[in-house]
Amino acid sequence: MVIRSVNLETVCGITSKIPDNPFNEVAFAGKSNVGKSSMINALLNRKSLARTSAQPGKTQTINFYNVNDAMYLVDLPGYGYAKTSASEKEKWGKMIENYLHTSKKLQAVFLLIDIRHDPSANDKMMYDWMVYQGFTPIIIATKLDKIKRSQIQKNVKAIREGLKVKSGTVIIPFSSETKQGRDELWEVIDSFVLPQEETEEEDK
């Protein structure tokens, strides 16, 4: 997809009503320090659209980015930050659950995992929970530039085995620094959000 316009259109807190958007949505979830904001900025070719922070756990809302007046990229609250109170974690969990149940336009859920480490207990819990909700999460293995090329296959295998992913699950290694994996990720997103005939036209 060629990015012509991006707008942070809606920000939802714990008491907010999930918007009834006119276009298809894809949602991104991940642990607080997995680099989600950096990935979104790289994906949308913007330097500071999604706010990055030295302190993890800052995303406490659901943010809806309108892309090209054609789709929505949905940034879900980060999970698993140790210094967050139990009540806050519960709020974020309810926000995510409410969104997954309420959105009429959600087409796919992406789960970000740091490629340098085996999936955490929180990662496994989030993956299993998304599957339970009826989704087959696409995995984005972030921070690809932090490991050697020779380690990629081994680390991707560790993610696949650690999460016990469903057969056929797509795992996309991604670097926000080099933007490696960006084109592949957009191909997957386009397959969910664009009309079939438009997707076929882009493939020609």
N, C-alpha and C. Protein backbone atom coordinates (compact mmCIF):
# COMPACT_ATOMS: atom_id res chain seq x y z
N MET A 1 0.84 -1.20 0.00
CA MET A 1 0.00 0.00 0.00
C MET A 1 0.88 1.25 0.00
N VAL A 2 0.56 2.19 -0.86
CA VAL A 2 1.24 3.48 -0.88
C VAL A 2 0.55 4.39 0.14
N ILE A 3 1.32 4.89 1.11
CA ILE A 3 0.75 5.70 2.18
C ILE A 3 0.60 7.14 1.69
N ARG A 4 -0.63 7.58 1.53
CA ARG A 4 -0.91 8.96 1.10
C ARG A 4 -1.30 9.84 2.27
N SER A 5 -2.02 9.29 3.22
CA SER A 5 -2.44 10.08 4.38
C SER A 5 -2.61 9.17 5.59
N VAL A 6 -2.27 9.69 6.76
CA VAL A 6 -2.46 8.97 8.02
C VAL A 6 -2.97 9.97 9.05
N ASN A 7 -3.98 9.55 9.80
CA ASN A 7 -4.56 10.45 10.79
C ASN A 7 -4.97 9.64 12.02
N LEU A 8 -4.48 10.08 13.19
CA LEU A 8 -4.94 9.48 14.44
C LEU A 8 -6.36 9.99 14.67
N GLU A 9 -7.32 9.17 14.30
CA GLU A 9 -8.71 9.63 14.22
C GLU A 9 -9.47 9.48 15.53
N THR A 10 -9.23 8.36 16.25
CA THR A 10 -9.99 8.10 17.47
C THR A 10 -9.07 7.52 18.54
N VAL A 11 -9.22 8.00 19.77
CA VAL A 11 -8.50 7.46 20.92
C VAL A 11 -9.53 7.01 21.94
N CYS A 12 -9.50 5.72 22.29
CA CYS A 12 -10.48 5.16 23.22
C CYS A 12 -9.84 4.79 24.55
N GLY A 13 -10.43 5.25 25.64
CA GLY A 13 -10.03 4.84 26.97
C GLY A 13 -10.94 3.75 27.49
N ILE A 14 -10.82 3.46 28.78
CA ILE A 14 -11.56 2.34 29.37
C ILE A 14 -13.07 2.53 29.29
N THR A 15 -13.54 3.77 29.35
CA THR A 15 -15.00 4.01 29.33
C THR A 15 -15.51 4.41 27.96
N SER A 16 -14.61 4.49 26.97
CA SER A 16 -15.02 4.95 25.64
C SER A 16 -15.79 3.89 24.88
N LYS A 17 -16.66 4.36 24.01
CA LYS A 17 -17.39 3.46 23.11
C LYS A 17 -16.50 3.17 21.90
N ILE A 18 -16.41 1.90 21.53
CA ILE A 18 -15.63 1.53 20.35
C ILE A 18 -16.31 2.11 19.11
N PRO A 19 -15.57 2.85 18.26
CA PRO A 19 -16.21 3.48 17.10
C PRO A 19 -16.70 2.47 16.08
N ASP A 20 -17.77 2.81 15.42
CA ASP A 20 -18.31 1.99 14.32
C ASP A 20 -17.71 2.53 13.03
N ASN A 21 -16.49 2.10 12.73
CA ASN A 21 -15.74 2.67 11.61
C ASN A 21 -16.25 2.20 10.26
N PRO A 22 -16.06 3.03 9.21
CA PRO A 22 -16.55 2.66 7.88
C PRO A 22 -15.63 1.71 7.12
N PHE A 23 -14.37 1.59 7.56
CA PHE A 23 -13.39 0.78 6.81
C PHE A 23 -12.88 -0.39 7.65
N ASN A 24 -12.30 -1.36 6.96
CA ASN A 24 -11.74 -2.54 7.63
C ASN A 24 -10.59 -2.16 8.56
N GLU A 25 -10.41 -2.97 9.61
CA GLU A 25 -9.40 -2.71 10.63
C GLU A 25 -8.46 -3.90 10.78
N VAL A 26 -7.20 -3.62 11.10
CA VAL A 26 -6.27 -4.63 11.58
C VAL A 26 -5.70 -4.11 12.89
N ALA A 27 -5.52 -5.00 13.88
CA ALA A 27 -5.11 -4.58 15.21
C ALA A 27 -3.75 -5.17 15.57
N PHE A 28 -2.98 -4.41 16.36
CA PHE A 28 -1.64 -4.81 16.76
C PHE A 28 -1.55 -4.85 18.29
N ALA A 29 -1.10 -5.97 18.81
CA ALA A 29 -0.93 -6.15 20.26
C ALA A 29 0.50 -6.59 20.52
N GLY A 30 0.99 -6.29 21.71
CA GLY A 30 2.34 -6.72 22.06
C GLY A 30 2.73 -6.27 23.45
N LYS A 31 3.75 -6.90 23.98
CA LYS A 31 4.26 -6.54 25.29
C LYS A 31 4.75 -5.09 25.26
N SER A 32 4.78 -4.45 26.41
CA SER A 32 5.05 -3.01 26.50
C SER A 32 6.38 -2.60 25.89
N ASN A 33 7.39 -3.45 25.97
CA ASN A 33 8.71 -3.05 25.47
C ASN A 33 9.11 -3.76 24.18
N VAL A 34 8.12 -4.17 23.40
CA VAL A 34 8.41 -4.98 22.20
C VAL A 34 8.69 -4.11 20.97
N GLY A 35 8.49 -2.79 21.09
CA GLY A 35 8.76 -1.90 19.96
C GLY A 35 7.56 -1.67 19.06
N LYS A 36 6.36 -1.72 19.64
CA LYS A 36 5.14 -1.59 18.82
C LYS A 36 5.02 -0.20 18.20
N SER A 37 5.27 0.84 18.99
CA SER A 37 5.16 2.20 18.45
C SER A 37 6.17 2.43 17.33
N SER A 38 7.39 1.95 17.51
CA SER A 38 8.42 2.08 16.46
C SER A 38 8.02 1.33 15.21
N MET A 39 7.42 0.15 15.38
CA MET A 39 6.98 -0.62 14.22
C MET A 39 5.88 0.10 13.46
N ILE A 40 4.93 0.69 14.19
CA ILE A 40 3.84 1.41 13.55
C ILE A 40 4.37 2.61 12.77
N ASN A 41 5.31 3.34 13.38
CA ASN A 41 5.92 4.48 12.68
C ASN A 41 6.64 4.04 11.41
N ALA A 42 7.38 2.93 11.48
CA ALA A 42 8.09 2.42 10.31
C ALA A 42 7.11 1.95 9.24
N LEU A 43 6.05 1.29 9.68
CA LEU A 43 5.05 0.77 8.76
C LEU A 43 4.36 1.89 7.99
N LEU A 44 4.12 3.01 8.69
CA LEU A 44 3.38 4.12 8.09
C LEU A 44 4.29 5.23 7.56
N ASN A 45 5.60 4.97 7.57
CA ASN A 45 6.58 5.97 7.09
C ASN A 45 6.45 7.30 7.81
N ARG A 46 6.26 7.25 9.11
CA ARG A 46 6.18 8.46 9.93
C ARG A 46 7.19 8.33 11.07
N LYS A 47 7.81 9.44 11.45
CA LYS A 47 8.84 9.37 12.49
C LYS A 47 8.27 9.33 13.89
N SER A 48 7.19 10.03 14.13
CA SER A 48 6.71 10.13 15.52
C SER A 48 5.19 10.14 15.59
N LEU A 49 4.55 9.41 14.69
CA LEU A 49 3.08 9.34 14.72
C LEU A 49 2.63 8.60 15.98
N ALA A 50 3.15 7.39 16.16
CA ALA A 50 2.90 6.65 17.41
C ALA A 50 4.02 7.03 18.37
N ARG A 51 3.67 7.48 19.54
CA ARG A 51 4.66 8.00 20.47
C ARG A 51 5.47 6.86 21.10
N THR A 52 6.78 6.95 20.93
CA THR A 52 7.67 6.00 21.59
C THR A 52 8.12 6.62 22.91
N SER A 53 8.49 5.78 23.85
CA SER A 53 8.86 6.28 25.17
C SER A 53 9.96 5.43 25.76
N ALA A 54 10.83 6.07 26.54
CA ALA A 54 11.87 5.32 27.24
C ALA A 54 11.26 4.49 28.36
N GLN A 55 10.06 4.86 28.75
CA GLN A 55 9.37 4.11 29.81
C GLN A 55 8.26 3.27 29.19
N PRO A 56 8.39 1.93 29.22
CA PRO A 56 7.36 1.07 28.64
C PRO A 56 6.03 1.24 29.37
N GLY A 57 4.97 0.80 28.73
CA GLY A 57 3.65 0.81 29.36
C GLY A 57 2.90 2.11 29.21
N LYS A 58 3.35 2.98 28.29
CA LYS A 58 2.73 4.29 28.14
C LYS A 58 1.43 4.24 27.33
N THR A 59 1.32 3.27 26.43
CA THR A 59 0.09 3.18 25.62
C THR A 59 -1.03 2.62 26.49
N GLN A 60 -1.91 3.51 26.95
CA GLN A 60 -2.99 3.10 27.84
C GLN A 60 -4.35 3.31 27.19
N THR A 61 -4.33 3.49 25.88
CA THR A 61 -5.56 3.69 25.13
C THR A 61 -5.54 2.81 23.89
N ILE A 62 -6.68 2.71 23.23
CA ILE A 62 -6.75 2.07 21.91
C ILE A 62 -6.76 3.19 20.88
N ASN A 63 -5.76 3.20 20.01
CA ASN A 63 -5.60 4.28 19.05
C ASN A 63 -5.95 3.80 17.64
N PHE A 64 -6.83 4.54 16.98
CA PHE A 64 -7.30 4.18 15.64
C PHE A 64 -6.66 5.14 14.62
N TYR A 65 -5.79 4.60 13.77
CA TYR A 65 -5.15 5.39 12.72
C TYR A 65 -5.86 5.15 11.39
N ASN A 66 -6.41 6.22 10.83
CA ASN A 66 -7.05 6.15 9.53
C ASN A 66 -5.96 6.26 8.46
N VAL A 67 -5.83 5.23 7.62
CA VAL A 67 -4.81 5.21 6.58
C VAL A 67 -5.47 5.34 5.21
N ASN A 68 -5.16 6.43 4.52
CA ASN A 68 -5.64 6.68 3.15
C ASN A 68 -7.16 6.74 3.02
N ASP A 69 -7.87 6.96 4.15
CA ASP A 69 -9.33 6.87 4.10
C ASP A 69 -9.77 5.55 3.47
N ALA A 70 -9.03 4.48 3.79
CA ALA A 70 -9.30 3.16 3.20
C ALA A 70 -9.27 2.04 4.23
N MET A 71 -8.61 2.27 5.36
CA MET A 71 -8.48 1.22 6.37
C MET A 71 -8.10 1.87 7.70
N TYR A 72 -8.17 1.06 8.78
CA TYR A 72 -7.73 1.52 10.09
C TYR A 72 -6.68 0.57 10.64
N LEU A 73 -5.60 1.15 11.14
CA LEU A 73 -4.60 0.41 11.88
C LEU A 73 -4.87 0.71 13.35
N VAL A 74 -5.08 -0.33 14.15
CA VAL A 74 -5.51 -0.17 15.54
C VAL A 74 -4.40 -0.60 16.48
N ASP A 75 -3.94 0.35 17.31
CA ASP A 75 -2.86 0.11 18.26
C ASP A 75 -3.48 -0.19 19.63
N LEU A 76 -3.32 -1.43 20.08
CA LEU A 76 -3.89 -1.85 21.37
C LEU A 76 -2.90 -1.58 22.51
N PRO A 77 -3.40 -1.42 23.74
CA PRO A 77 -2.50 -1.14 24.87
C PRO A 77 -1.45 -2.25 25.05
N GLY A 78 -0.22 -1.84 25.38
CA GLY A 78 0.83 -2.81 25.66
C GLY A 78 0.52 -3.56 26.95
N TYR A 79 0.95 -4.81 27.02
CA TYR A 79 0.67 -5.62 28.21
C TYR A 79 1.98 -6.08 28.84
N GLY A 80 1.88 -6.55 30.09
CA GLY A 80 2.99 -7.25 30.73
C GLY A 80 4.06 -6.38 31.35
N TYR A 81 3.83 -5.04 31.47
CA TYR A 81 4.86 -4.21 32.08
C TYR A 81 4.83 -4.41 33.59
N ALA A 82 5.97 -4.80 34.15
CA ALA A 82 6.02 -5.25 35.54
C ALA A 82 5.59 -4.18 36.54
N LYS A 83 5.88 -2.90 36.23
CA LYS A 83 5.61 -1.85 37.21
C LYS A 83 4.16 -1.35 37.16
N THR A 84 3.38 -1.92 36.27
CA THR A 84 1.97 -1.53 36.18
C THR A 84 1.17 -2.23 37.27
N SER A 85 0.26 -1.52 37.89
CA SER A 85 -0.54 -2.11 38.97
C SER A 85 -1.50 -3.16 38.42
N ALA A 86 -1.92 -4.05 39.29
CA ALA A 86 -2.85 -5.11 38.88
C ALA A 86 -4.16 -4.52 38.36
N SER A 87 -4.62 -3.43 38.96
CA SER A 87 -5.89 -2.81 38.53
C SER A 87 -5.74 -2.22 37.13
N GLU A 88 -4.58 -1.63 36.84
CA GLU A 88 -4.35 -1.07 35.51
C GLU A 88 -4.30 -2.19 34.47
N LYS A 89 -3.60 -3.28 34.81
CA LYS A 89 -3.51 -4.42 33.89
C LYS A 89 -4.90 -4.97 33.58
N GLU A 90 -5.74 -5.03 34.61
CA GLU A 90 -7.10 -5.52 34.42
C GLU A 90 -7.89 -4.60 33.50
N LYS A 91 -7.70 -3.29 33.67
CA LYS A 91 -8.38 -2.32 32.80
C LYS A 91 -7.97 -2.52 31.34
N TRP A 92 -6.65 -2.65 31.12
CA TRP A 92 -6.17 -2.82 29.75
C TRP A 92 -6.72 -4.10 29.14
N GLY A 93 -6.75 -5.18 29.95
CA GLY A 93 -7.30 -6.44 29.46
C GLY A 93 -8.75 -6.30 29.05
N LYS A 94 -9.52 -5.57 29.86
CA LYS A 94 -10.93 -5.37 29.53
C LYS A 94 -11.10 -4.53 28.27
N MET A 95 -10.22 -3.52 28.11
CA MET A 95 -10.27 -2.69 26.91
C MET A 95 -10.05 -3.52 25.65
N ILE A 96 -9.02 -4.37 25.70
CA ILE A 96 -8.69 -5.20 24.54
C ILE A 96 -9.83 -6.19 24.26
N GLU A 97 -10.34 -6.83 25.32
CA GLU A 97 -11.42 -7.79 25.16
C GLU A 97 -12.66 -7.11 24.58
N ASN A 98 -12.97 -5.93 25.09
CA ASN A 98 -14.13 -5.18 24.60
C ASN A 98 -13.98 -4.87 23.12
N TYR A 99 -12.77 -4.46 22.73
CA TYR A 99 -12.54 -4.13 21.32
C TYR A 99 -12.70 -5.37 20.43
N LEU A 100 -12.07 -6.48 20.82
CA LEU A 100 -12.14 -7.69 20.00
C LEU A 100 -13.58 -8.18 19.83
N HIS A 101 -14.38 -7.99 20.88
CA HIS A 101 -15.78 -8.44 20.82
C HIS A 101 -16.68 -7.45 20.08
N THR A 102 -16.33 -6.15 20.15
CA THR A 102 -17.24 -5.11 19.69
C THR A 102 -17.02 -4.68 18.25
N SER A 103 -15.76 -4.65 17.82
CA SER A 103 -15.47 -4.13 16.48
C SER A 103 -16.16 -4.96 15.40
N LYS A 104 -16.83 -4.27 14.51
CA LYS A 104 -17.50 -4.95 13.39
C LYS A 104 -16.61 -5.04 12.16
N LYS A 105 -15.49 -4.32 12.19
CA LYS A 105 -14.64 -4.23 11.00
C LYS A 105 -13.27 -4.90 11.18
N LEU A 106 -13.02 -5.49 12.35
CA LEU A 106 -11.73 -6.11 12.60
C LEU A 106 -11.54 -7.35 11.71
N GLN A 107 -10.47 -7.33 10.91
CA GLN A 107 -10.21 -8.42 9.97
C GLN A 107 -9.08 -9.34 10.41
N ALA A 108 -8.11 -8.80 11.17
CA ALA A 108 -6.95 -9.61 11.56
C ALA A 108 -6.28 -8.99 12.77
N VAL A 109 -5.64 -9.86 13.57
CA VAL A 109 -4.90 -9.42 14.75
C VAL A 109 -3.45 -9.84 14.58
N PHE A 110 -2.55 -8.89 14.85
CA PHE A 110 -1.11 -9.14 14.78
C PHE A 110 -0.54 -9.10 16.20
N LEU A 111 0.30 -10.08 16.52
CA LEU A 111 0.93 -10.14 17.84
C LEU A 111 2.43 -9.97 17.68
N LEU A 112 3.00 -8.97 18.36
CA LEU A 112 4.42 -8.67 18.27
C LEU A 112 5.19 -9.41 19.35
N ILE A 113 6.27 -10.08 18.93
CA ILE A 113 7.15 -10.81 19.84
C ILE A 113 8.59 -10.38 19.54
N ASP A 114 9.36 -10.10 20.58
CA ASP A 114 10.78 -9.74 20.42
C ASP A 114 11.54 -10.97 19.93
N ILE A 115 12.14 -10.87 18.74
CA ILE A 115 12.81 -12.02 18.12
C ILE A 115 14.03 -12.49 18.93
N ARG A 116 14.53 -11.64 19.83
CA ARG A 116 15.74 -12.00 20.58
C ARG A 116 15.46 -12.97 21.73
N HIS A 117 14.20 -13.06 22.13
CA HIS A 117 13.88 -13.83 23.34
C HIS A 117 12.77 -14.85 23.07
N ASP A 118 12.77 -15.92 23.85
CA ASP A 118 11.64 -16.85 23.80
C ASP A 118 10.39 -16.13 24.28
N PRO A 119 9.21 -16.50 23.77
CA PRO A 119 7.96 -15.87 24.22
C PRO A 119 7.80 -15.98 25.74
N SER A 120 7.34 -14.88 26.35
CA SER A 120 7.12 -14.86 27.79
C SER A 120 5.78 -15.51 28.13
N ALA A 121 5.54 -15.70 29.42
CA ALA A 121 4.25 -16.24 29.87
C ALA A 121 3.11 -15.33 29.43
N ASN A 122 3.35 -14.01 29.49
CA ASN A 122 2.32 -13.06 29.04
C ASN A 122 2.06 -13.18 27.54
N ASP A 123 3.13 -13.38 26.76
CA ASP A 123 2.98 -13.56 25.32
C ASP A 123 2.13 -14.80 25.03
N LYS A 124 2.44 -15.89 25.72
CA LYS A 124 1.69 -17.14 25.51
C LYS A 124 0.23 -16.96 25.89
N MET A 125 0.01 -16.26 26.99
CA MET A 125 -1.36 -16.03 27.44
C MET A 125 -2.15 -15.20 26.42
N MET A 126 -1.49 -14.15 25.88
CA MET A 126 -2.16 -13.30 24.89
C MET A 126 -2.45 -14.08 23.61
N TYR A 127 -1.48 -14.87 23.16
CA TYR A 127 -1.69 -15.67 21.94
C TYR A 127 -2.86 -16.64 22.13
N ASP A 128 -2.83 -17.40 23.22
CA ASP A 128 -3.89 -18.39 23.48
C ASP A 128 -5.25 -17.71 23.59
N TRP A 129 -5.25 -16.54 24.22
CA TRP A 129 -6.51 -15.81 24.42
C TRP A 129 -7.08 -15.33 23.08
N MET A 130 -6.20 -14.85 22.19
CA MET A 130 -6.65 -14.41 20.87
C MET A 130 -7.22 -15.58 20.06
N VAL A 131 -6.55 -16.73 20.16
CA VAL A 131 -7.05 -17.93 19.48
C VAL A 131 -8.42 -18.31 20.04
N TYR A 132 -8.55 -18.24 21.36
CA TYR A 132 -9.82 -18.54 22.02
C TYR A 132 -10.93 -17.61 21.54
N GLN A 133 -10.55 -16.34 21.22
CA GLN A 133 -11.53 -15.36 20.73
C GLN A 133 -11.89 -15.60 19.26
N GLY A 134 -11.24 -16.57 18.62
CA GLY A 134 -11.59 -16.91 17.24
C GLY A 134 -10.65 -16.37 16.19
N PHE A 135 -9.51 -15.80 16.62
CA PHE A 135 -8.55 -15.25 15.67
C PHE A 135 -7.37 -16.19 15.49
N THR A 136 -6.69 -16.06 14.36
CA THR A 136 -5.41 -16.72 14.15
C THR A 136 -4.37 -15.61 14.03
N PRO A 137 -3.74 -15.23 15.14
CA PRO A 137 -2.83 -14.08 15.10
C PRO A 137 -1.67 -14.28 14.12
N ILE A 138 -1.33 -13.21 13.39
CA ILE A 138 -0.11 -13.19 12.59
C ILE A 138 0.98 -12.67 13.52
N ILE A 139 2.12 -13.34 13.55
CA ILE A 139 3.19 -12.96 14.47
C ILE A 139 4.20 -12.05 13.77
N ILE A 140 4.52 -10.92 14.40
CA ILE A 140 5.58 -10.03 13.93
C ILE A 140 6.75 -10.16 14.89
N ALA A 141 7.87 -10.69 14.39
CA ALA A 141 9.06 -10.88 15.23
C ALA A 141 9.91 -9.62 15.13
N THR A 142 9.78 -8.74 16.13
CA THR A 142 10.40 -7.42 16.08
C THR A 142 11.88 -7.44 16.46
N LYS A 143 12.54 -6.29 16.22
CA LYS A 143 13.94 -6.05 16.59
C LYS A 143 14.88 -6.98 15.83
N LEU A 144 14.55 -7.22 14.57
CA LEU A 144 15.33 -8.11 13.72
C LEU A 144 16.77 -7.64 13.57
N ASP A 145 16.98 -6.32 13.58
CA ASP A 145 18.34 -5.77 13.39
C ASP A 145 19.25 -6.04 14.59
N LYS A 146 18.67 -6.51 15.70
CA LYS A 146 19.46 -6.75 16.92
C LYS A 146 20.11 -8.13 16.95
N ILE A 147 19.80 -8.98 15.96
CA ILE A 147 20.41 -10.31 15.94
C ILE A 147 21.13 -10.54 14.61
N LYS A 148 22.02 -11.54 14.58
CA LYS A 148 22.73 -11.88 13.36
C LYS A 148 21.80 -12.61 12.39
N ARG A 149 22.11 -12.47 11.13
CA ARG A 149 21.28 -13.13 10.12
C ARG A 149 21.23 -14.64 10.33
N SER A 150 22.34 -15.20 10.79
CA SER A 150 22.42 -16.65 11.00
C SER A 150 21.51 -17.13 12.13
N GLN A 151 21.04 -16.19 12.97
CA GLN A 151 20.19 -16.56 14.10
C GLN A 151 18.69 -16.52 13.78
N ILE A 152 18.34 -15.94 12.65
CA ILE A 152 16.93 -15.66 12.37
C ILE A 152 16.07 -16.92 12.38
N GLN A 153 16.47 -17.93 11.60
CA GLN A 153 15.63 -19.14 11.50
C GLN A 153 15.47 -19.83 12.85
N LYS A 154 16.58 -19.90 13.61
CA LYS A 154 16.54 -20.56 14.93
C LYS A 154 15.59 -19.79 15.87
N ASN A 155 15.65 -18.46 15.85
CA ASN A 155 14.83 -17.67 16.76
C ASN A 155 13.37 -17.68 16.35
N VAL A 156 13.10 -17.68 15.05
CA VAL A 156 11.72 -17.79 14.58
C VAL A 156 11.14 -19.13 14.98
N LYS A 157 11.95 -20.18 14.88
CA LYS A 157 11.50 -21.52 15.30
C LYS A 157 11.18 -21.53 16.80
N ALA A 158 12.00 -20.82 17.59
CA ALA A 158 11.77 -20.75 19.04
C ALA A 158 10.45 -20.05 19.35
N ILE A 159 10.12 -19.03 18.58
CA ILE A 159 8.84 -18.34 18.76
C ILE A 159 7.69 -19.27 18.40
N ARG A 160 7.84 -19.95 17.27
CA ARG A 160 6.79 -20.87 16.81
C ARG A 160 6.53 -21.96 17.85
N GLU A 161 7.61 -22.52 18.39
CA GLU A 161 7.47 -23.60 19.37
C GLU A 161 7.03 -23.07 20.73
N GLY A 162 7.54 -21.89 21.11
CA GLY A 162 7.20 -21.32 22.41
C GLY A 162 5.73 -20.96 22.53
N LEU A 163 5.16 -20.45 21.43
CA LEU A 163 3.74 -20.09 21.43
C LEU A 163 2.84 -21.27 21.08
N LYS A 164 3.46 -22.34 20.54
CA LYS A 164 2.69 -23.48 20.03
C LYS A 164 1.64 -23.00 19.04
N VAL A 165 2.13 -22.27 18.03
CA VAL A 165 1.22 -21.62 17.08
C VAL A 165 0.47 -22.65 16.24
N LYS A 166 -0.68 -22.24 15.77
CA LYS A 166 -1.49 -23.09 14.89
C LYS A 166 -0.74 -23.32 13.59
N SER A 167 -0.96 -24.46 12.98
CA SER A 167 -0.32 -24.79 11.71
C SER A 167 -0.64 -23.73 10.66
N GLY A 168 0.39 -23.31 9.92
CA GLY A 168 0.19 -22.32 8.87
C GLY A 168 0.29 -20.88 9.34
N THR A 169 0.54 -20.66 10.63
CA THR A 169 0.65 -19.30 11.16
C THR A 169 1.83 -18.58 10.52
N VAL A 170 1.59 -17.36 10.07
CA VAL A 170 2.63 -16.54 9.44
C VAL A 170 3.43 -15.84 10.52
N ILE A 171 4.78 -15.91 10.42
CA ILE A 171 5.68 -15.16 11.30
C ILE A 171 6.56 -14.28 10.42
N ILE A 172 6.50 -12.97 10.65
CA ILE A 172 7.23 -12.01 9.82
C ILE A 172 8.33 -11.36 10.65
N PRO A 173 9.60 -11.68 10.39
CA PRO A 173 10.69 -10.95 11.04
C PRO A 173 10.68 -9.49 10.58
N PHE A 174 10.85 -8.55 11.52
CA PHE A 174 10.67 -7.13 11.19
C PHE A 174 11.67 -6.26 11.95
N SER A 175 12.20 -5.26 11.24
CA SER A 175 13.08 -4.28 11.88
C SER A 175 12.55 -2.88 11.64
N SER A 176 12.28 -2.15 12.71
CA SER A 176 11.84 -0.76 12.57
C SER A 176 13.00 0.13 12.11
N GLU A 177 14.24 -0.31 12.38
CA GLU A 177 15.42 0.48 12.00
C GLU A 177 15.68 0.39 10.50
N THR A 178 15.71 -0.83 9.96
CA THR A 178 16.04 -1.02 8.54
C THR A 178 14.79 -1.15 7.67
N LYS A 179 13.65 -1.33 8.32
CA LYS A 179 12.36 -1.56 7.65
C LYS A 179 12.31 -2.89 6.89
N GLN A 180 13.24 -3.79 7.23
CA GLN A 180 13.17 -5.14 6.67
C GLN A 180 11.89 -5.80 7.16
N GLY A 181 11.16 -6.42 6.25
CA GLY A 181 9.89 -7.07 6.59
C GLY A 181 8.69 -6.17 6.34
N ARG A 182 8.92 -4.89 6.07
CA ARG A 182 7.81 -3.95 5.90
C ARG A 182 6.93 -4.31 4.70
N ASP A 183 7.56 -4.59 3.55
CA ASP A 183 6.78 -4.93 2.35
C ASP A 183 5.97 -6.20 2.56
N GLU A 184 6.59 -7.20 3.18
CA GLU A 184 5.89 -8.46 3.44
C GLU A 184 4.70 -8.22 4.37
N LEU A 185 4.92 -7.39 5.39
CA LEU A 185 3.83 -7.10 6.33
C LEU A 185 2.69 -6.38 5.64
N TRP A 186 3.01 -5.41 4.77
CA TRP A 186 1.94 -4.71 4.05
C TRP A 186 1.17 -5.65 3.12
N GLU A 187 1.86 -6.61 2.52
CA GLU A 187 1.17 -7.59 1.66
C GLU A 187 0.12 -8.34 2.45
N VAL A 188 0.48 -8.75 3.67
CA VAL A 188 -0.46 -9.47 4.52
C VAL A 188 -1.62 -8.56 4.92
N ILE A 189 -1.31 -7.33 5.33
CA ILE A 189 -2.37 -6.38 5.72
C ILE A 189 -3.31 -6.13 4.54
N ASP A 190 -2.73 -5.86 3.37
CA ASP A 190 -3.56 -5.59 2.18
C ASP A 190 -4.51 -6.74 1.88
N SER A 191 -4.04 -7.97 2.12
CA SER A 191 -4.89 -9.13 1.81
C SER A 191 -6.13 -9.17 2.69
N PHE A 192 -6.07 -8.51 3.84
CA PHE A 192 -7.22 -8.48 4.75
C PHE A 192 -8.11 -7.25 4.54
N VAL A 193 -7.52 -6.12 4.19
CA VAL A 193 -8.29 -4.87 4.23
C VAL A 193 -8.74 -4.38 2.86
N LEU A 194 -8.04 -4.78 1.79
CA LEU A 194 -8.40 -4.28 0.46
C LEU A 194 -9.41 -5.20 -0.20
N PRO A 195 -10.27 -4.65 -1.06
CA PRO A 195 -11.16 -5.51 -1.85
C PRO A 195 -10.35 -6.49 -2.67
N GLN A 196 -10.87 -7.68 -2.90
CA GLN A 196 -10.13 -8.73 -3.57
C GLN A 196 -9.60 -8.30 -4.94
N GLU A 197 -10.43 -7.58 -5.70
CA GLU A 197 -10.01 -7.18 -7.04
C GLU A 197 -8.84 -6.21 -6.99
N GLU A 198 -8.79 -5.35 -5.94
CA GLU A 198 -7.69 -4.40 -5.80
C GLU A 198 -6.40 -5.12 -5.43
N THR A 199 -6.51 -6.14 -4.58
CA THR A 199 -5.35 -6.93 -4.19
C THR A 199 -4.78 -7.65 -5.42
N GLU A 200 -5.65 -8.20 -6.26
CA GLU A 200 -5.22 -8.91 -7.45
C GLU A 200 -4.54 -7.95 -8.43
N GLU A 201 -5.04 -6.72 -8.52
CA GLU A 201 -4.47 -5.72 -9.40
C GLU A 201 -3.06 -5.36 -8.96
N GLU A 202 -2.85 -5.25 -7.64
CA GLU A 202 -1.52 -4.91 -7.12
C GLU A 202 -0.52 -6.03 -7.37
N ASP A 203 -1.00 -7.27 -7.46
CA ASP A 203 -0.11 -8.41 -7.66
C ASP A 203 0.38 -8.51 -9.10
N LYS A 204 -0.28 -7.80 -10.02
CA LYS A 204 0.08 -7.92 -11.44
C LYS A 204 1.39 -7.20 -11.75
